[in-house]
Amino acid sequence: MATSIQQRLYPFSTCYGCGPANSKGLQLQSFEQGDEVVCTFHPEEHHSNGMGTLSGGVIATLLDCHSGAAVFVESARPVSYTHLTLPTK
C-alpha cells in the first residue's frame, strides 16, 4: 500500500484531522495519483451535526487537511523559469 502524504511528510503530527500520531482523530490520508492529490473519507454516524448531515467542523477539517497536503506536494515540484531579453535601440 502507498504511503500517505501525511505519513511521509509529518508522521509525528497530532493534528485532529490528518495527524498520523493522533489515534482519536479523523486519520485523513491524502495520496498522490498522477498529477492529482486524492483523499477518500467515509463519514460515520458520530460525524453528524445531529440533524442528519455531516458536521460543518468535519467538512472544514477535511478541506483544511487535504488542501494542505496538496499544497505541500505542489510546492515540492520543480519549477522552470524562462529568461527573455529584448534588445532595444
Protein backbone atom coordinates (compact mmCIF):
# COMPACT_ATOMS: atom_id res chain seq x y z
CA MET A 1 0.00 0.00 0.00
CA ALA A 2 1.18 3.52 -0.79
CA THR A 3 2.33 5.82 1.99
CA SER A 4 0.09 8.85 2.52
CA ILE A 5 1.45 12.36 2.13
CA GLN A 6 0.79 12.98 5.81
CA GLN A 7 2.69 9.88 6.90
CA ARG A 8 5.59 10.72 4.60
CA LEU A 9 5.93 14.42 5.48
CA TYR A 10 4.92 14.67 9.13
CA PRO A 11 4.47 11.24 10.75
CA PHE A 12 4.54 12.64 14.29
CA SER A 13 1.78 15.23 13.75
CA THR A 14 -1.09 15.15 16.24
CA CYS A 15 -3.46 17.17 14.04
CA TYR A 16 -7.05 16.11 14.74
CA GLY A 17 -7.84 15.76 11.03
CA CYS A 18 -4.77 14.20 9.47
CA GLY A 19 -2.18 13.62 12.15
CA PRO A 20 -0.83 10.08 11.91
CA ALA A 21 0.10 10.28 15.62
CA ASN A 22 -3.46 11.17 16.73
CA SER A 23 -5.29 7.88 17.20
CA LYS A 24 -8.52 9.69 18.18
CA GLY A 25 -8.54 12.00 15.15
CA LEU A 26 -10.08 11.51 11.72
CA GLN A 27 -6.88 9.88 10.34
CA LEU A 28 -7.32 11.55 6.94
CA GLN A 29 -4.85 10.37 4.34
CA SER A 30 -4.08 12.07 1.04
CA PHE A 31 -2.31 10.27 -1.79
CA GLU A 32 -0.62 11.37 -4.99
CA GLN A 33 -2.25 9.83 -8.07
CA GLY A 34 -0.52 11.18 -11.14
CA ASP A 35 -0.99 14.95 -11.17
CA GLU A 36 -3.79 14.78 -8.59
CA VAL A 37 -3.93 14.51 -4.82
CA VAL A 38 -6.78 12.26 -3.68
CA CYS A 39 -8.41 11.69 -0.30
CA THR A 40 -11.39 9.45 0.45
CA PHE A 41 -13.42 9.89 3.63
CA HIS A 42 -16.30 7.69 4.77
CA PRO A 43 -18.26 9.56 7.44
CA GLU A 44 -19.83 7.66 10.29
CA GLU A 45 -22.89 8.50 12.38
CA HIS A 46 -20.80 10.27 15.05
CA HIS A 47 -19.59 12.75 12.39
CA SER A 48 -23.17 14.05 12.06
CA ASN A 49 -24.31 17.51 13.11
CA GLY A 50 -27.27 15.89 14.88
CA MET A 51 -29.68 16.87 12.10
CA GLY A 52 -28.80 14.18 9.58
CA THR A 53 -25.95 15.81 7.70
CA LEU A 54 -22.19 15.98 8.07
CA SER A 55 -20.89 18.41 10.70
CA GLY A 56 -19.55 21.68 9.32
CA GLY A 57 -16.50 21.30 11.53
CA VAL A 58 -15.69 17.93 9.94
CA ILE A 59 -16.17 19.43 6.46
CA ALA A 60 -13.82 22.32 7.31
CA THR A 61 -11.24 19.89 8.71
CA LEU A 62 -11.40 17.76 5.54
CA LEU A 63 -10.80 20.83 3.38
CA ASP A 64 -8.04 22.16 5.63
CA CYS A 65 -6.03 18.95 5.90
CA HIS A 66 -6.43 17.75 2.32
CA SER A 67 -5.72 21.13 0.74
CA GLY A 68 -2.65 21.47 2.97
CA ALA A 69 -1.35 18.12 1.73
CA ALA A 70 -1.98 19.17 -1.88
CA VAL A 71 -0.06 22.43 -1.37
CA PHE A 72 2.90 20.56 0.17
CA VAL A 73 3.05 18.26 -2.86
CA GLU A 74 2.71 21.07 -5.39
CA SER A 75 5.32 23.24 -3.70
CA ALA A 76 7.86 20.40 -3.88
CA ARG A 77 7.55 20.03 -7.66
CA PRO A 78 10.32 21.50 -9.78
CA VAL A 79 9.70 24.93 -11.23
CA SER A 80 11.01 26.11 -14.57
CA TYR A 81 11.92 29.70 -15.24
CA THR A 82 12.45 31.38 -18.57
CA HIS A 83 14.61 34.40 -19.18
CA LEU A 84 13.77 36.74 -22.01
CA THR A 85 15.99 39.58 -23.17
CA LEU A 86 14.54 42.15 -25.51
CA PRO A 87 17.19 44.31 -27.17
CA THR A 88 16.26 47.97 -27.51
CA LYS A 89 17.76 50.73 -29.61
